[in-house]
């Protein structure tokens, strides 16, 4: 097996970034509003959904006409205005944005961009000043940098450089110099709960300055749709987001104590919908679309209904998601595996250095270093090692995944009746052993140390 130097990947990414980000790269925004998320095609789609009185429009309208407080009033009222044309909806969004307590930069930008025709000059000036004060502060994560991008694009006509300074700072300095090298090295630097914010930024940049942030991190984005899909537990959750009717949610993986949060599940679904909209023709997007477009999981609450209406496209073809492999192994070292696509399947997940087992409707998060009995998934065996330095397994399948080993390390691997070989674990500490034949074989591994030398002269004892 050829070994790939992580440092070489980082240097290559940096070199590519430098080659593709000259000092004169143009980040000026000249597109007419609305610029944020509502492309002409998407705007026509949501307006037609209102005309057709589609299920998603009726659900969104029910939330907006109800008495329950909205989770994101600026976003929701501004979207309702763009879909319906009702001036009263724009007034609600503008009143919220100009209020003393409204500080969410992302929502302020969306109100300014989407409700522009309804803003009086004095209101536009006040809101623009409010956004400019907030956008000046540097971001510290995906969510805050995404909000700055949206704000700079919304305010481009009022900025002396049409947004160039802020957008170039985010793209060239933050994304290319900080995030891309970490993604290239296999680090899980983008929290899964911030994937939705990532895709809002992706959409906004591509729509307005023709820049696709995925280009310098192809390995990460190549499998992201499937990583997102498989990183959910088999059994759904029936709950209410905060107020309103109960919904069924597909629950994303989590490590916090207690029950899953419906709001996290709603935003995970929103992230999946935004992924599909970004690359509708990709095979993985069509698999994700097939998984998402089940009406029982439609979001109906005060938070999710707006995202469902904005992003879901029931006219977009989707593929049957049971074509997704039962075992998924990402470039960041995550492993998600299940015995089937049924809701009562046994599921095992390894992510963020922790091991989880979902079985018989119960989720178990194991302490660091703990091991579980090997799980047979299709033609693979998923196992964890009780110790990081050595272990033995009896495997009946063709492939063995060993979780929880020392990350980025070389292991000597001996398989019955095969030559000794050396394999590397990934950034998450996962070792993949292939070519076992499926007829039953003993597998022994040991962390390679200086005493073993460059060439092993004896079998592992």
Protein backbone atom coordinates (compact mmCIF):
# COMPACT_ATOMS: atom_id res chain seq x y z
CA UNK A 1 0.00 0.00 0.00
CA UNK A 2 1.37 3.40 -0.98
CA UNK A 3 1.76 5.84 1.89
CA UNK A 4 0.65 9.45 1.44
CA UNK A 5 2.45 12.04 3.51
CA UNK A 6 -0.08 14.29 5.32
CA UNK A 7 2.39 17.20 5.20
CA UNK A 8 2.66 16.81 1.43
CA UNK A 9 -1.13 17.08 1.15
CA UNK A 10 -1.10 20.27 3.20
CA UNK A 11 1.73 21.82 1.17
CA UNK A 12 0.05 20.84 -2.08
CA UNK A 13 -3.19 22.45 -0.94
CA UNK A 14 -1.39 25.62 0.07
CA UNK A 15 0.42 25.75 -3.25
CA UNK A 16 -2.81 25.27 -5.15
CA UNK A 17 -4.51 27.92 -3.05
CA UNK A 18 -1.71 30.38 -3.74
CA UNK A 19 -1.90 29.66 -7.44
CA UNK A 20 -5.65 30.24 -7.51
CA UNK A 21 -5.82 33.32 -5.29
CA UNK A 22 -3.80 36.12 -6.94
CA UNK A 23 -3.80 39.52 -5.31
CA UNK A 24 -6.03 40.92 -8.04
CA UNK A 25 -8.74 38.24 -7.69
CA UNK A 26 -12.09 39.97 -8.03
CA UNK A 27 -14.54 39.75 -5.12
CA UNK A 28 -16.64 42.76 -6.08
CA UNK A 29 -20.40 42.14 -5.99
CA UNK A 30 -22.50 43.67 -8.76
CA UNK A 31 -25.50 41.37 -8.91
CA UNK A 32 -28.94 42.90 -8.36
CA UNK A 33 -30.86 41.96 -5.17
CA UNK A 34 -32.01 39.58 -3.97
CA UNK A 35 -28.48 38.22 -3.85
CA UNK A 36 -28.67 35.84 -0.92
CA UNK A 37 -29.86 32.26 -1.52
CA UNK A 38 -32.83 33.33 -3.66
CA UNK A 39 -31.53 32.81 -7.17
CA UNK A 40 -34.06 33.60 -9.91
CA UNK A 41 -34.78 29.89 -10.25
CA UNK A 42 -35.34 29.34 -6.53
CA UNK A 43 -37.42 32.48 -6.22
CA UNK A 44 -39.68 31.29 -9.03
CA UNK A 45 -39.96 27.89 -7.36
CA UNK A 46 -41.11 29.19 -3.98
CA UNK A 47 -43.55 31.64 -5.59
CA UNK A 48 -45.03 28.84 -7.68
CA UNK A 49 -45.30 26.68 -4.57
CA UNK A 50 -47.42 29.42 -3.02
CA UNK A 51 -49.57 29.65 -6.14
CA UNK A 52 -50.07 25.90 -6.19
CA UNK A 53 -50.83 25.85 -2.45
CA UNK A 54 -48.33 23.02 -2.02
CA UNK A 55 -48.09 21.10 1.23
CA UNK A 56 -44.85 22.83 2.17
CA UNK A 57 -46.32 26.27 1.52
CA UNK A 58 -49.43 25.46 3.56
CA UNK A 59 -47.23 24.26 6.41
CA UNK A 60 -45.07 27.39 6.28
CA UNK A 61 -48.14 29.63 6.08
CA UNK A 62 -49.68 27.87 9.08
CA UNK A 63 -46.58 28.61 11.13
CA UNK A 64 -46.51 32.26 10.06
CA UNK A 65 -50.21 32.79 10.82
CA UNK A 66 -50.06 30.97 14.15
CA UNK A 67 -49.68 32.46 17.59
CA UNK A 68 -46.47 30.63 18.50
CA UNK A 69 -43.27 32.74 18.56
CA UNK A 70 -40.97 32.28 15.60
CA UNK A 71 -37.51 30.84 16.18
CA UNK A 72 -35.91 33.18 13.59
CA UNK A 73 -38.40 35.97 12.92
CA UNK A 74 -36.26 38.04 10.57
CA UNK A 75 -35.48 35.10 8.31
CA UNK A 76 -39.02 33.71 8.39
CA UNK A 77 -40.90 36.98 7.76
CA UNK A 78 -38.50 38.05 5.01
CA UNK A 79 -38.89 34.71 3.25
CA UNK A 80 -42.67 34.89 3.60
CA UNK A 81 -42.59 38.37 2.04
CA UNK A 82 -40.56 37.17 -0.95
CA UNK A 83 -42.89 34.22 -1.52
CA UNK A 84 -46.18 36.07 -1.02
CA UNK A 85 -45.44 39.70 -1.81
CA UNK A 86 -47.37 40.77 1.29
CA UNK A 87 -46.16 44.15 2.55
CA UNK A 88 -47.28 43.27 6.08
CA UNK A 89 -44.74 40.43 6.17
CA UNK A 90 -41.95 42.79 5.13
CA UNK A 91 -42.98 45.22 7.89
CA UNK A 92 -42.73 42.43 10.46
CA UNK A 93 -39.23 41.52 9.28
CA UNK A 94 -38.07 45.14 9.20
CA UNK A 95 -39.50 45.94 12.64
CA UNK A 96 -37.65 42.95 14.05
CA UNK A 97 -34.37 43.90 12.35
CA UNK A 98 -34.50 47.50 13.59
CA UNK A 99 -35.36 46.46 17.13
CA UNK A 100 -32.84 46.89 19.90
CA UNK A 101 -32.60 43.17 20.63
CA UNK A 102 -32.02 42.00 17.04
CA UNK A 103 -28.31 41.16 16.80
CA UNK A 104 -28.11 38.07 14.58
CA UNK A 105 -25.96 39.33 11.69
CA UNK A 106 -27.12 36.60 9.32
CA UNK A 107 -30.81 37.44 9.77
CA UNK A 108 -30.12 41.18 9.55
CA UNK A 109 -28.41 40.61 6.20
CA UNK A 110 -31.28 38.50 4.89
CA UNK A 111 -33.86 41.13 5.87
CA UNK A 112 -31.82 43.91 4.22
CA UNK A 113 -31.41 41.88 1.02
CA UNK A 114 -34.86 40.32 0.73
CA UNK A 115 -36.95 43.23 2.00
CA UNK A 116 -35.16 45.97 0.07
CA UNK A 117 -38.26 47.04 -1.94
CA UNK A 118 -40.19 47.57 1.30
CA UNK A 119 -37.47 49.51 3.16
CA UNK A 120 -37.95 53.26 3.45
CA UNK A 121 -34.69 55.19 2.84
CA UNK A 122 -34.30 56.05 6.51
CA UNK A 123 -34.94 52.45 7.51
CA UNK A 124 -32.43 51.20 4.95
CA UNK A 125 -29.80 53.59 6.30
CA UNK A 126 -30.37 52.51 9.91
CA UNK A 127 -30.29 48.82 9.08
CA UNK A 128 -27.20 49.21 6.89
CA UNK A 129 -25.36 51.00 9.71
CA UNK A 130 -26.33 48.25 12.12
CA UNK A 131 -25.01 45.59 9.78
CA UNK A 132 -21.79 47.48 9.06
CA UNK A 133 -20.97 47.73 12.75
CA UNK A 134 -21.49 43.98 13.19
CA UNK A 135 -19.66 42.84 10.07
CA UNK A 136 -16.47 44.67 11.08
CA UNK A 137 -15.80 42.15 13.85
CA UNK A 138 -13.76 39.15 12.61
CA UNK A 139 -15.39 35.75 12.78
CA UNK A 140 -14.11 32.81 14.79
CA UNK A 141 -15.93 29.85 13.25
CA UNK A 142 -17.87 28.74 10.18
CA UNK A 143 -21.13 30.24 11.39
CA UNK A 144 -19.76 33.72 12.06
CA UNK A 145 -17.68 33.82 8.86
CA UNK A 146 -20.72 32.74 6.85
CA UNK A 147 -22.75 35.57 8.40
CA UNK A 148 -20.01 38.06 7.45
CA UNK A 149 -20.12 36.82 3.85
CA UNK A 150 -23.87 37.24 3.67
CA UNK A 151 -23.65 40.70 5.23
CA UNK A 152 -20.93 41.90 2.84
CA UNK A 153 -22.88 40.69 -0.18
CA UNK A 154 -26.12 42.26 1.03
CA UNK A 155 -24.40 45.61 1.69
CA UNK A 156 -22.15 45.58 -1.38
CA UNK A 157 -23.76 48.67 -2.95
CA UNK A 158 -23.05 50.68 0.22
CA UNK A 159 -19.45 49.55 0.67
CA UNK A 160 -16.69 51.53 -1.08
CA UNK A 161 -15.19 48.37 -2.59
CA UNK A 162 -18.44 46.47 -3.32
CA UNK A 163 -17.61 43.93 -0.58
CA UNK A 164 -14.18 43.03 -1.94
CA UNK A 165 -12.19 43.49 1.30
CA UNK A 166 -14.42 41.37 3.53
CA UNK A 167 -15.01 38.61 0.99
CA UNK A 168 -11.32 38.35 0.05
CA UNK A 169 -10.40 38.16 3.73
CA UNK A 170 -12.84 35.32 4.36
CA UNK A 171 -11.99 33.35 1.22
CA UNK A 172 -8.24 33.89 0.94
CA UNK A 173 -7.10 34.21 4.54
CA UNK A 174 -9.61 32.22 6.55
CA UNK A 175 -10.80 29.49 4.16
CA UNK A 176 -7.76 28.87 1.99
CA UNK A 177 -5.00 29.45 4.54
CA UNK A 178 -6.65 28.12 7.71
CA UNK A 179 -9.44 25.70 6.86
CA UNK A 180 -8.24 24.02 3.65
CA UNK A 181 -4.89 22.80 5.09
CA UNK A 182 -6.69 21.26 8.06
CA UNK A 183 -9.21 19.54 5.79
CA UNK A 184 -6.36 18.24 3.62
CA UNK A 185 -4.70 16.75 6.70
CA UNK A 186 -7.89 14.88 7.58
CA UNK A 187 -8.92 17.03 10.53
CA UNK A 188 -12.63 17.34 11.20
CA UNK A 189 -12.42 21.12 11.49
CA UNK A 190 -15.99 21.92 10.41
CA UNK A 191 -18.44 20.92 13.16
CA UNK A 192 -21.40 18.99 11.78
CA UNK A 193 -23.79 21.38 13.52
CA UNK A 194 -22.34 24.21 11.39
CA UNK A 195 -22.76 22.48 8.03
CA UNK A 196 -25.85 24.49 7.26
CA UNK A 197 -23.95 27.76 7.73
CA UNK A 198 -21.19 26.39 5.50
CA UNK A 199 -23.63 25.75 2.68
CA UNK A 200 -25.27 29.16 2.99
CA UNK A 201 -21.79 30.61 2.48
CA UNK A 202 -21.11 28.27 -0.45
CA UNK A 203 -24.35 29.28 -2.15
CA UNK A 204 -23.85 33.00 -1.57
CA UNK A 205 -20.27 33.07 -2.89
CA UNK A 206 -20.96 30.99 -5.97
CA UNK A 207 -24.11 32.94 -6.82
CA UNK A 208 -22.43 36.34 -6.53
CA UNK A 209 -18.69 36.10 -7.21
CA UNK A 210 -18.51 32.73 -9.01
CA UNK A 211 -16.23 31.13 -6.40
CA UNK A 212 -16.68 27.52 -5.33
CA UNK A 213 -15.01 26.88 -1.97
CA UNK A 214 -15.07 23.13 -2.59
CA UNK A 215 -12.38 23.26 -5.26
CA UNK A 216 -9.43 23.26 -2.85
CA UNK A 217 -10.85 20.54 -0.59
CA UNK A 218 -12.15 17.94 -3.06
CA UNK A 219 -11.56 14.91 -0.82
CA UNK A 220 -13.65 16.40 1.99
CA UNK A 221 -16.57 17.47 -0.18
CA UNK A 222 -16.55 14.39 -2.40
CA UNK A 223 -18.17 12.21 0.27
CA UNK A 224 -19.83 14.88 2.40
CA UNK A 225 -23.38 14.11 1.26
CA UNK A 226 -23.02 10.43 2.15
CA UNK A 227 -21.19 11.31 5.37
CA UNK A 228 -24.13 13.52 6.29
CA UNK A 229 -26.69 10.84 5.44
CA UNK A 230 -24.96 8.00 7.28
CA UNK A 231 -24.24 10.16 10.33
CA UNK A 232 -27.81 9.75 11.60
CA UNK A 233 -29.17 7.06 13.90
CA UNK A 234 -31.52 4.45 12.41
CA UNK A 235 -34.58 5.20 14.55
CA UNK A 236 -36.41 8.54 14.12
CA UNK A 237 -37.44 10.85 16.94
CA UNK A 238 -41.01 12.07 17.38
CA UNK A 239 -40.94 15.49 19.04
CA UNK A 240 -41.75 19.18 18.70
CA UNK A 241 -39.00 21.67 17.86
CA UNK A 242 -40.16 24.19 20.44
CA UNK A 243 -43.81 24.87 19.81
CA UNK A 244 -46.35 23.64 17.32
CA UNK A 245 -47.14 20.14 16.09
CA UNK A 246 -44.94 17.14 16.77
CA UNK A 247 -42.79 15.97 13.89
CA UNK A 248 -40.64 12.98 13.11
CA UNK A 249 -36.94 13.75 12.88
CA UNK A 250 -33.94 11.86 11.62
CA UNK A 251 -31.49 12.38 14.48
CA UNK A 252 -27.87 13.35 13.71
CA UNK A 253 -25.09 11.92 15.83
CA UNK A 254 -24.37 13.77 19.06
CA UNK A 255 -22.21 13.36 22.16
CA UNK A 256 -23.96 15.56 24.71
CA UNK A 257 -25.83 14.10 27.67
CA UNK A 258 -29.57 13.67 27.59
CA UNK A 259 -32.03 13.35 24.75
CA UNK A 260 -31.42 14.60 21.21
CA UNK A 261 -32.44 18.20 20.51
CA UNK A 262 -35.20 18.57 17.88
CA UNK A 263 -33.70 21.90 16.77
CA UNK A 264 -30.39 20.17 15.98
CA UNK A 265 -32.26 17.56 13.96
CA UNK A 266 -34.13 20.28 12.08
CA UNK A 267 -30.94 22.13 11.17
CA UNK A 268 -29.29 18.87 10.13
CA UNK A 269 -32.14 18.28 7.70
CA UNK A 270 -31.84 21.88 6.47
CA UNK A 271 -28.14 21.29 5.84
CA UNK A 272 -28.94 18.19 3.78
CA UNK A 273 -31.51 20.08 1.71
CA UNK A 274 -29.02 22.89 1.05
CA UNK A 275 -26.38 20.32 0.01
CA UNK A 276 -28.73 18.83 -2.58
CA UNK A 277 -29.57 22.28 -3.93
CA UNK A 278 -25.88 23.12 -4.34
CA UNK A 279 -25.05 20.15 -6.57
CA UNK A 280 -28.26 18.58 -7.83
CA UNK A 281 -26.63 16.43 -10.52
CA UNK A 282 -24.12 14.60 -8.33
CA UNK A 283 -24.91 10.95 -7.64
CA UNK A 284 -24.47 11.38 -3.89
CA UNK A 285 -26.81 14.39 -3.93
CA UNK A 286 -29.49 12.28 -5.59
CA UNK A 287 -29.06 9.58 -2.94
CA UNK A 288 -29.35 12.24 -0.25
CA UNK A 289 -32.42 13.65 -2.00
CA UNK A 290 -34.09 10.23 -1.97
CA UNK A 291 -33.38 9.94 1.75
CA UNK A 292 -34.70 13.43 2.54
CA UNK A 293 -37.83 13.48 0.38
CA UNK A 294 -40.00 11.34 2.61
CA UNK A 295 -43.04 13.34 3.63
CA UNK A 296 -43.14 11.92 7.13
CA UNK A 297 -39.93 13.84 7.91
CA UNK A 298 -41.13 17.18 6.55
CA UNK A 299 -40.37 19.96 9.04
CA UNK A 300 -43.48 21.59 10.46
CA UNK A 301 -42.29 23.62 13.43
CA UNK A 302 -41.49 27.25 14.11
CA UNK A 303 -37.85 26.72 13.15
CA UNK A 304 -37.88 24.11 10.43
CA UNK A 305 -40.89 25.04 8.29
CA UNK A 306 -39.13 28.04 6.76
CA UNK A 307 -36.05 26.00 5.84
CA UNK A 308 -38.23 23.23 4.43
CA UNK A 309 -40.02 25.74 2.21
CA UNK A 310 -36.83 27.50 1.11
CA UNK A 311 -34.75 24.47 0.17
CA UNK A 312 -36.88 21.38 -0.42
CA UNK A 313 -37.51 20.64 -4.08
CA UNK A 314 -39.90 17.69 -4.45
CA UNK A 315 -39.53 17.94 -8.23
CA UNK A 316 -35.83 17.11 -8.05
CA UNK A 317 -35.23 13.40 -8.83
CA UNK A 318 -33.82 11.28 -6.05
CA UNK A 319 -32.35 7.81 -5.90
CA UNK A 320 -33.28 5.03 -3.50
CA UNK A 321 -31.01 5.59 -0.52
CA UNK A 322 -30.68 1.88 0.23
CA UNK A 323 -28.04 1.92 -2.52
CA UNK A 324 -25.74 3.71 -0.06
CA UNK A 325 -23.12 1.25 1.29
CA UNK A 326 -23.81 -0.07 4.77
CA UNK A 327 -20.31 0.97 5.85
CA UNK A 328 -19.06 4.52 5.33
CA UNK A 329 -15.46 5.53 6.07
CA UNK A 330 -14.63 9.22 5.64
CA UNK A 331 -11.35 10.99 4.97
CA UNK A 332 -11.54 12.45 8.49
CA UNK A 333 -11.55 8.96 10.02
CA UNK A 334 -15.24 8.75 10.83
CA UNK A 335 -16.90 5.38 10.42
CA UNK A 336 -20.67 4.88 10.31
CA UNK A 337 -22.03 1.37 9.74
CA UNK A 338 -25.40 -0.32 10.04
CA UNK A 339 -26.68 -3.82 9.56
CA UNK A 340 -29.47 -2.63 7.24
CA UNK A 341 -31.45 0.48 6.28
CA UNK A 342 -34.34 -0.58 8.50
CA UNK A 343 -35.18 1.55 11.53
CA UNK A 344 -34.44 -1.35 13.90
CA UNK A 345 -30.94 -1.87 12.50
CA UNK A 346 -27.86 -2.10 14.69
CA UNK A 347 -25.71 0.97 14.06
CA UNK A 348 -22.14 1.66 15.09
CA UNK A 349 -20.41 5.02 14.77
CA UNK A 350 -16.92 6.29 15.46
CA UNK A 351 -16.45 10.06 15.31
CA UNK A 352 -14.70 12.81 17.26
CA UNK A 353 -12.67 10.10 18.96
CA UNK A 354 -15.73 8.46 20.52
CA UNK A 355 -17.45 5.18 19.85
CA UNK A 356 -21.24 4.76 19.87
CA UNK A 357 -23.53 1.77 19.49
CA UNK A 358 -27.22 2.06 18.67
CA UNK A 359 -29.00 -1.22 19.25
CA UNK A 360 -32.54 -2.25 20.17
CA UNK A 361 -33.65 1.39 20.16
CA UNK A 362 -31.00 2.38 22.69
CA UNK A 363 -27.95 4.59 22.20
CA UNK A 364 -24.78 3.80 24.11
CA UNK A 365 -21.75 6.11 24.09
CA UNK A 366 -18.67 4.26 25.26
CA UNK A 367 -15.90 5.79 27.27
CA UNK A 368 -12.64 6.56 25.49
CA UNK A 369 -10.63 3.37 24.93
CA UNK A 370 -13.61 1.07 25.45
CA UNK A 371 -14.31 -1.72 22.99
CA UNK A 372 -17.41 -3.45 21.70
CA UNK A 373 -18.10 -6.89 20.37
CA UNK A 374 -17.39 -6.93 16.60
CA UNK A 375 -20.40 -6.08 14.44
CA UNK A 376 -20.95 -7.83 11.11
CA UNK A 377 -22.14 -5.40 8.44
CA UNK A 378 -22.56 -6.81 4.96
CA UNK A 379 -19.12 -7.95 3.81
CA UNK A 380 -17.31 -6.05 6.57
CA UNK A 381 -16.56 -6.52 10.25
CA UNK A 382 -16.47 -3.42 12.47
CA UNK A 383 -14.38 -3.87 15.62
CA UNK A 384 -12.62 -1.79 18.22
CA UNK A 385 -9.34 -2.61 19.90
CA UNK A 386 -9.17 -3.01 23.69
CA UNK A 387 -5.63 -1.61 23.50
CA UNK A 388 -4.07 0.76 21.01
CA UNK A 389 -0.76 -1.05 20.61
CA UNK A 390 -1.87 -4.57 19.65
CA UNK A 391 -4.95 -6.74 19.12
CA UNK A 392 -6.16 -10.02 17.62
CA UNK A 393 -9.37 -10.72 15.70
CA UNK A 394 -11.10 -13.64 14.06
CA UNK A 395 -12.82 -12.29 10.95
CA UNK A 396 -15.36 -14.01 8.68
CA UNK A 397 -15.80 -11.13 6.22
CA UNK A 398 -13.76 -9.63 3.40
CA UNK A 399 -12.91 -6.34 5.15
CA UNK A 400 -12.04 -5.41 8.73
CA UNK A 401 -12.34 -1.92 10.19
CA UNK A 402 -10.56 -1.47 13.52
CA UNK A 403 -11.59 1.67 15.40
CA UNK A 404 -9.91 3.65 18.14
CA UNK A 405 -6.25 3.02 17.32
CA UNK A 406 -3.48 5.61 17.43
CA UNK A 407 -4.18 8.19 14.69
CA UNK A 408 -1.76 8.64 11.81
CA UNK A 409 0.36 5.66 12.84
CA UNK A 410 1.77 2.60 11.14
CA UNK A 411 0.70 -0.88 12.23
CA UNK A 412 2.17 -4.25 11.36
CA UNK A 413 -0.69 -6.45 10.17
CA UNK A 414 -0.49 -10.24 9.92
CA UNK A 415 -3.32 -12.21 8.31
CA UNK A 416 -3.36 -16.01 8.35
CA UNK A 417 -1.51 -17.42 5.32
CA UNK A 418 -0.58 -13.97 4.04
CA UNK A 419 2.62 -11.96 4.09
CA UNK A 420 3.13 -9.39 6.80
CA UNK A 421 2.28 -5.87 5.70
CA UNK A 422 2.33 -2.40 7.20
CA UNK A 423 -0.79 -0.22 7.08
CA UNK A 424 -1.50 3.29 8.31
CA UNK A 425 -4.36 4.48 10.44
CA UNK A 426 -6.14 7.63 9.33
CA UNK A 427 -6.60 10.93 11.14
CA UNK A 428 -9.30 9.39 13.31
CA UNK A 429 -7.37 6.26 14.30
CA UNK A 430 -9.19 3.84 11.97
CA UNK A 431 -7.35 0.97 10.30
CA UNK A 432 -8.88 -0.73 7.26
CA UNK A 433 -7.71 -4.25 6.39
CA UNK A 434 -8.96 -5.60 3.06
CA UNK A 435 -8.58 -8.77 1.03
CA UNK A 436 -9.44 -11.19 3.82
CA UNK A 437 -11.38 -13.48 1.49
CA UNK A 438 -14.48 -13.90 3.60
CA UNK A 439 -13.75 -17.51 4.51
CA UNK A 440 -12.52 -16.88 8.02
CA UNK A 441 -9.09 -15.55 8.97
CA UNK A 442 -7.13 -14.53 12.03
CA UNK A 443 -5.85 -10.96 12.01
CA UNK A 444 -3.18 -9.69 14.37
CA UNK A 445 -2.00 -6.09 14.55
CA UNK A 446 0.75 -4.31 16.44
CA UNK A 447 1.76 -0.67 16.52
CA UNK A 448 5.04 -0.42 14.68
CA UNK A 449 7.87 0.78 16.91
CA UNK A 450 11.61 1.38 16.47
CA UNK A 451 12.43 -2.13 17.65
CA UNK A 452 10.63 -3.63 14.67
CA UNK A 453 13.07 -2.09 12.20
CA UNK A 454 12.37 -1.28 8.60
CA UNK A 455 11.60 -4.86 7.65
CA UNK A 456 9.89 -7.40 9.90
CA UNK A 457 11.71 -10.71 9.99
CA UNK A 458 9.26 -12.67 12.06
CA UNK A 459 5.54 -13.00 12.53
CA UNK A 460 3.70 -11.08 15.23
CA UNK A 461 3.47 -13.17 18.34
